[in-house]
Protein backbone atom coordinates (compact mmCIF):
# COMPACT_ATOMS: atom_id res chain seq x y z
CA MET A 1 -15.57 -86.47 -25.80
CA PRO A 2 -16.77 -88.75 -22.91
CA HIS A 3 -17.91 -87.03 -19.84
CA LEU A 4 -15.62 -87.31 -16.95
CA ASN A 5 -17.08 -87.73 -13.47
CA ARG A 6 -14.89 -85.58 -11.30
CA ARG A 7 -15.52 -86.03 -7.47
CA ARG A 8 -15.06 -83.21 -5.25
CA VAL A 9 -12.87 -83.61 -2.21
CA THR A 10 -14.77 -82.88 0.86
CA THR A 11 -13.99 -82.65 4.59
CA ASN A 12 -17.47 -83.42 5.66
CA THR A 13 -16.51 -86.36 7.58
CA PRO A 14 -14.06 -86.32 10.75
CA ALA A 15 -11.65 -88.94 9.40
CA LEU A 16 -11.05 -87.09 6.04
CA ALA A 17 -10.88 -83.63 7.79
CA GLU A 18 -8.18 -85.07 10.15
CA ILE A 19 -6.04 -86.48 7.37
CA TYR A 20 -6.59 -83.22 5.44
CA LEU A 21 -5.45 -81.09 8.32
CA SER A 22 -2.65 -83.26 9.32
CA SER A 23 -1.30 -82.90 5.78
CA LEU A 24 -1.46 -79.14 6.01
CA TYR A 25 0.54 -79.07 9.31
CA GLU A 26 3.18 -81.41 7.92
CA GLU A 27 3.62 -79.20 4.88
CA ARG A 28 3.74 -75.96 7.08
CA TYR A 29 6.37 -77.56 9.40
CA ILE A 30 8.65 -78.57 6.50
CA PHE A 31 8.21 -75.15 5.04
CA LEU A 32 9.08 -73.49 8.34
CA ARG A 33 12.03 -75.91 8.87
CA VAL A 34 13.66 -75.20 5.45
CA MET A 35 13.28 -71.50 6.13
CA SER A 36 14.90 -71.86 9.73
CA LEU A 37 17.76 -73.62 8.04
CA GLN A 38 18.44 -71.07 5.50
CA ARG A 39 18.45 -68.40 8.05
CA PHE A 40 21.02 -70.47 10.13
CA SER A 41 23.08 -71.08 7.07
CA LEU A 42 23.03 -67.32 6.11
CA SER A 43 23.83 -66.57 9.86
CA SER A 44 26.75 -68.88 9.81
CA ILE A 45 28.19 -67.35 6.68
CA SER A 46 27.82 -63.87 7.94
CA LYS A 47 29.47 -64.82 11.26
CA SER A 48 32.35 -66.60 9.49
CA GLU A 49 32.91 -63.44 7.26
CA ASN A 50 33.03 -61.32 10.41
CA LEU A 51 35.41 -63.45 12.13
CA LEU A 52 37.79 -63.77 9.03
CA SER A 53 37.55 -59.89 8.72
CA ARG A 54 38.66 -59.54 12.19
CA LYS A 55 41.49 -61.91 11.82
CA LEU A 56 42.69 -60.15 8.70
CA ASN A 57 42.54 -56.67 10.53
CA ARG A 58 44.64 -58.05 13.47
CA ALA A 59 47.03 -59.47 11.05
CA ASN A 60 47.33 -56.27 9.22
CA GLU A 61 47.81 -54.38 12.42
CA GLY A 62 50.80 -56.67 13.46
CA CYS A 63 52.51 -56.24 9.98
CA ILE A 64 53.18 -52.50 9.66
CA MET A 65 55.54 -51.82 6.79
CA ILE A 66 58.76 -50.32 7.58
CA SER A 67 59.95 -47.09 6.17
CA VAL A 68 63.15 -45.54 5.16
CA VAL A 69 63.71 -41.74 4.75
CA VAL A 70 66.35 -40.62 2.42
CA ASP A 71 67.70 -36.98 1.49
CA VAL A 72 67.92 -36.08 -2.19
CA ASP A 73 70.59 -33.33 -2.80
CA ASP A 74 74.04 -34.54 -2.39
CA THR A 75 72.88 -37.79 -0.81
CA LEU A 76 71.29 -39.16 -4.15
CA ILE A 77 72.05 -36.39 -6.64
CA SER A 78 75.14 -34.43 -6.94
CA THR A 79 74.68 -30.74 -7.09
CA ASP A 80 78.32 -29.43 -6.80
CA ARG A 81 78.44 -28.38 -10.61
CA SER A 82 75.11 -26.77 -10.38
CA MET A 83 76.18 -24.92 -7.05
CA GLN A 84 79.22 -23.84 -8.92
CA GLY A 85 76.91 -22.21 -11.59
CA VAL A 86 74.83 -20.60 -8.88
CA TRP A 87 77.69 -18.94 -7.21
CA SER A 88 79.26 -17.93 -10.44
CA ALA A 89 75.99 -16.29 -11.27
CA VAL A 90 75.53 -14.52 -8.07
CA LEU A 91 79.30 -13.21 -7.80
CA GLU A 92 79.66 -12.64 -11.42
CA CYS A 93 82.87 -14.47 -11.67
CA GLU A 94 84.20 -18.02 -12.16
CA ILE A 95 84.02 -19.92 -8.81
CA PRO A 96 86.39 -23.00 -8.85
CA LEU A 97 84.57 -26.42 -8.52
CA ASP A 98 87.05 -27.29 -5.68
CA ALA A 99 85.84 -24.24 -3.84
CA VAL A 100 82.08 -25.57 -3.95
CA GLU A 101 83.20 -29.09 -2.73
CA THR A 102 85.03 -27.71 0.40
CA LEU A 103 83.99 -24.24 1.34
CA GLY A 104 80.16 -24.22 1.13
CA GLU A 105 78.62 -21.02 2.34
CA GLN A 106 82.07 -19.48 3.00
CA ILE A 107 82.34 -19.07 -0.76
CA PHE A 108 80.67 -15.52 -0.39
CA MET A 109 83.23 -14.27 1.90
CA LYS A 110 86.26 -15.60 0.01
CA PHE A 111 85.23 -14.62 -3.58
CA ALA A 112 82.90 -11.51 -3.35
CA SER A 113 84.08 -8.07 -4.04
CA PRO A 114 83.94 -5.36 -1.37
CA GLU A 115 81.17 -3.79 -3.40
CA GLN A 116 79.35 -7.08 -3.26
CA LYS A 117 79.89 -7.63 0.54
CA ALA A 118 77.97 -4.27 1.06
CA ARG A 119 75.01 -5.94 -0.79
CA VAL A 120 75.15 -9.14 1.04
CA SER A 121 71.39 -9.19 1.72
CA GLU A 122 70.40 -8.60 -1.92
CA LEU A 123 72.84 -11.35 -3.14
CA GLN A 124 71.87 -13.58 -0.55
CA ARG A 125 68.36 -13.52 -1.77
CA ARG A 126 69.49 -14.02 -5.30
CA PHE A 127 71.61 -17.03 -4.41
CA TRP A 128 68.52 -18.72 -2.83
CA ASP A 129 66.17 -17.71 -5.84
CA ILE A 130 68.36 -19.35 -8.19
CA SER A 131 68.90 -22.29 -6.18
CA LEU A 132 65.18 -22.88 -5.57
CA CYS A 133 64.64 -22.40 -9.41
CA LEU A 134 62.54 -19.14 -8.97
CA GLU A 135 64.68 -17.80 -11.78
CA GLU A 136 65.08 -19.29 -15.01
CA VAL A 137 68.73 -19.80 -14.77
CA GLY A 138 68.12 -22.33 -11.77
CA ILE A 139 66.15 -24.55 -13.91
CA GLU A 140 68.93 -24.58 -16.56
CA LEU A 141 71.46 -25.28 -13.92
CA LEU A 142 69.64 -28.56 -13.07
CA LYS A 143 70.99 -30.11 -16.10
CA LEU A 144 74.45 -30.34 -14.39
CA HIS A 145 73.15 -32.66 -11.74
CA GLU A 146 74.53 -35.96 -11.67
CA PRO A 147 73.37 -39.20 -9.73
CA ILE A 148 75.66 -40.36 -6.99
CA PRO A 149 77.08 -43.82 -7.91
CA PHE A 150 75.30 -46.90 -6.75
CA SER A 151 72.55 -44.79 -5.12
CA ALA A 152 69.68 -45.68 -7.62
CA GLU A 153 70.81 -49.39 -7.48
CA VAL A 154 70.55 -49.52 -3.79
CA LEU A 155 67.08 -47.76 -3.56
CA GLN A 156 65.77 -49.97 -6.17
CA THR A 157 66.52 -52.94 -3.91
CA TRP A 158 65.30 -51.32 -0.72
CA THR A 159 61.90 -50.53 -2.45
CA ASN A 160 61.00 -54.12 -2.31
CA HIS A 161 61.37 -54.40 1.34
CA CYS A 162 60.13 -51.08 2.65
CA LYS A 163 58.30 -47.78 2.05
CA LEU A 164 60.67 -45.24 0.65
CA ILE A 165 60.24 -41.71 1.58
CA TYR A 166 62.26 -38.82 -0.13
CA LEU A 167 62.56 -36.08 2.24
CA THR A 168 64.15 -33.06 0.44
CA GLY A 169 64.92 -29.52 1.19
CA ARG A 170 63.76 -28.44 -2.21
CA PRO A 171 60.39 -26.50 -2.19
CA GLU A 172 56.99 -27.65 -3.24
CA THR A 173 57.28 -25.60 -6.44
CA MET A 174 59.92 -27.81 -7.55
CA ARG A 175 57.96 -31.17 -7.25
CA ASP A 176 57.74 -31.76 -10.97
CA LEU A 177 61.35 -30.96 -11.64
CA THR A 178 62.43 -33.26 -8.68
CA LEU A 179 60.14 -36.23 -9.82
CA GLY A 180 61.51 -35.78 -13.29
CA GLU A 181 65.12 -35.93 -12.13
CA LEU A 182 64.53 -39.03 -9.96
CA GLU A 183 62.96 -40.88 -12.90
CA LYS A 184 65.61 -39.64 -15.17
CA PHE A 185 68.43 -41.11 -13.10
CA GLY A 186 66.67 -44.26 -12.28
CA PHE A 187 65.37 -43.78 -8.86
CA PRO A 188 62.20 -45.52 -7.82
CA THR A 189 59.15 -43.26 -7.81
CA SER A 190 56.11 -45.75 -7.74
CA ASN A 191 54.92 -46.44 -4.25
CA THR A 192 57.15 -43.94 -2.79
CA GLN A 193 56.52 -40.64 -1.01
CA LEU A 194 58.03 -37.16 -2.00
CA VAL A 195 58.03 -34.69 0.98
CA MET A 196 59.25 -31.07 0.48
CA PHE A 197 59.66 -27.89 2.21
CA SER A 198 57.17 -25.16 1.53
CA LEU A 199 58.46 -21.86 -0.04
CA GLU A 200 57.62 -20.17 3.19
CA ASP A 201 60.30 -22.19 4.93
CA PHE A 202 62.95 -20.26 3.07
CA ALA A 203 61.63 -16.70 4.19
CA ARG A 204 64.21 -16.35 6.68
CA VAL A 205 67.28 -17.39 4.60
CA ARG A 206 65.81 -15.27 1.81
CA GLY A 207 65.60 -12.40 3.93
CA THR A 208 61.92 -11.77 3.46
CA ASN A 209 61.01 -12.83 7.13
CA PRO A 210 63.80 -12.68 9.64
CA SER A 211 61.59 -14.27 12.24
CA GLY A 212 60.63 -17.29 9.96
CA PRO A 213 61.73 -20.76 10.75
CA THR A 214 65.25 -22.05 10.34
CA LEU A 215 65.78 -24.83 7.76
CA VAL A 216 66.38 -27.25 10.77
CA ASP A 217 63.17 -26.10 12.26
CA ALA A 218 61.28 -26.91 8.93
CA LYS A 219 63.06 -30.21 8.52
CA SER A 220 62.31 -31.10 12.17
CA ARG A 221 58.61 -30.27 11.59
CA LEU A 222 58.43 -32.52 8.45
CA PHE A 223 59.99 -35.31 10.03
CA SER A 224 57.78 -35.13 13.17
CA ALA A 225 54.85 -35.51 11.07
CA LEU A 226 56.34 -38.45 9.11
CA SER A 227 57.26 -40.23 12.32
CA LYS A 228 53.66 -40.42 13.56
CA GLU A 229 52.65 -41.79 10.28
CA HIS A 230 55.26 -44.48 9.58
CA ASN A 231 57.48 -46.91 11.32
CA ILE A 232 60.91 -45.33 10.26
CA VAL A 233 63.83 -47.78 10.74
CA ARG A 234 66.51 -45.92 8.66
CA VAL A 235 67.46 -42.53 7.42
CA VAL A 236 70.35 -41.57 5.02
CA ASP A 237 71.54 -37.99 4.91
CA ASP A 238 74.81 -36.12 3.76
CA TYR A 239 74.45 -33.21 6.23
CA PRO A 240 75.67 -33.72 9.93
CA GLY A 241 73.33 -30.79 11.03
CA TYR A 242 70.19 -32.86 10.52
CA PHE A 243 71.06 -35.98 12.47
CA PRO A 244 70.06 -34.52 16.03
CA ILE A 245 66.38 -34.55 14.53
CA TYR A 246 66.74 -38.22 13.48
CA LYS A 247 68.18 -38.96 17.05
CA GLN A 248 65.46 -37.20 18.88
CA PHE A 249 62.85 -39.39 17.01
CA SER A 250 64.68 -42.49 17.91
CA VAL A 251 65.32 -43.75 14.24
CA PRO A 252 67.34 -46.87 14.98
CA ASP A 253 69.66 -46.90 11.87
CA ARG A 254 70.96 -43.30 11.23
CA ILE A 255 73.43 -43.39 8.38
CA GLY A 256 75.64 -40.44 7.42
CA LEU A 257 76.81 -40.53 3.74
CA LEU A 258 80.32 -38.95 4.05
CA ARG A 259 81.31 -35.71 2.24
CA PRO A 260 85.07 -36.20 3.03
CA ARG A 261 85.99 -32.75 1.53
CA ARG A 262 83.61 -30.87 3.94
CA TYR A 263 83.08 -33.07 6.92
CA SER A 264 84.78 -35.90 9.02
CA SER A 265 83.20 -39.05 9.94
CA GLN A 266 83.30 -37.97 13.55
CA GLN A 267 81.21 -34.94 12.89
CA TYR A 268 78.43 -37.16 11.83
CA ILE A 269 78.77 -39.48 14.96
CA ASP A 270 78.87 -36.42 17.11
CA LYS A 271 75.64 -35.10 15.77
CA GLY A 272 73.78 -38.39 16.13
CA ALA A 273 74.60 -40.67 13.26
CA THR A 274 74.88 -44.46 14.25
CA ARG A 275 77.21 -45.18 11.42
CA VAL A 276 79.02 -43.37 8.35
CA VAL A 277 79.37 -44.74 4.89
CA GLU A 278 81.77 -43.51 2.22
CA SER A 279 79.71 -44.92 -0.57
CA TRP A 280 76.29 -46.13 -1.61
CA LYS A 281 78.15 -49.36 -2.60
CA GLN A 282 78.47 -50.23 1.04
CA LEU A 283 74.94 -50.47 1.35
CA LEU A 284 74.14 -52.70 -1.82
CA ASN A 285 73.47 -55.79 0.49
CA ASP A 286 72.28 -53.99 3.66
CA LEU A 287 68.59 -54.20 3.60
CA PRO A 288 66.48 -52.31 5.96
CA LYS A 289 64.99 -54.36 8.75
CA THR A 290 62.81 -53.82 11.85
CA MET A 291 65.12 -53.40 14.97
C-alpha cells in the first residue's frame, strides 16, 4: 500500500488561526441560534395550549347543563295497588282500591277496629315498615307497581337535553330495588342521579324518635343540597305539600302532576306550583329549557 503523506493542520500562522477561530465562532453561533429557535417554538406551543385551555374553561363555565328534578312514587310509578296491599296487611281486612285512591292516611280511622285504634302507634310503625320494605311483604308488594302512562317516554326525551335527577321519598335501603324498577319500566338510568331519604328521616313517622325531622324537613334538606350543585329549571311532583320547597328555592317551572281523586288543581297552585298537568302526555313535546 502506498504511503499517504498526511499533513497536519496547524494554526501556527496568524492567518490560519484567524480562519480557524472564525469557523468555530460561526458554528457556535448557528448552534446557539438553533437552540434559541427551538426554545421559542416550544414556548409558543406551551403558551398556545394554555390559552386554549383557558378559553375552554371559560366556555364550560358559561355552559352549565340544566337539571330537572322528578319525584318517583305516584309521579312516575303508580303505588295505589301496593298501598292497598299495605293497608290490608296492617288492618287485616280487605281495603277497597277506591279508598286508597281517595282517602290516603284517613284510611286508618275509617277501617280500623276499636281494638286496632287503641294500638295506633304499633300499627303505624308496621305500616311504615312494610311501605319501606323493611318487611319481606313490602318487597313482594312492589310487584303491584305500574308505570304511569307516558312518563318513561317523556323522560327518555328529556334526558337528551338536561341532567335528570330522581328525588324520591324512598330510603337508601331501597336503592337497588328502586333502580331495578326504573329500568324495568323503561325509565332512563344512565347519566342520571338518584337521591333518596335516609332511614333516620322516617324515625318520627315510625314513632322511634318523636323529635326527628318531618318528611317535609327531609325533602327540603335534600333539595337544598341539590340546588347548590345543579341549575334546576324544572320539577315534577304529585304531592302539593312539597311545592313550597320548590318555590322557596326559586325553581322557575314547578309542575304539579294532578291526582284528581285526592287533590284539586288549585291546591297545587296555592302551594306554589306554576302549572298543573293531568297527564304526562301533555309534556311529550315540552322540553326543559333555561328560563
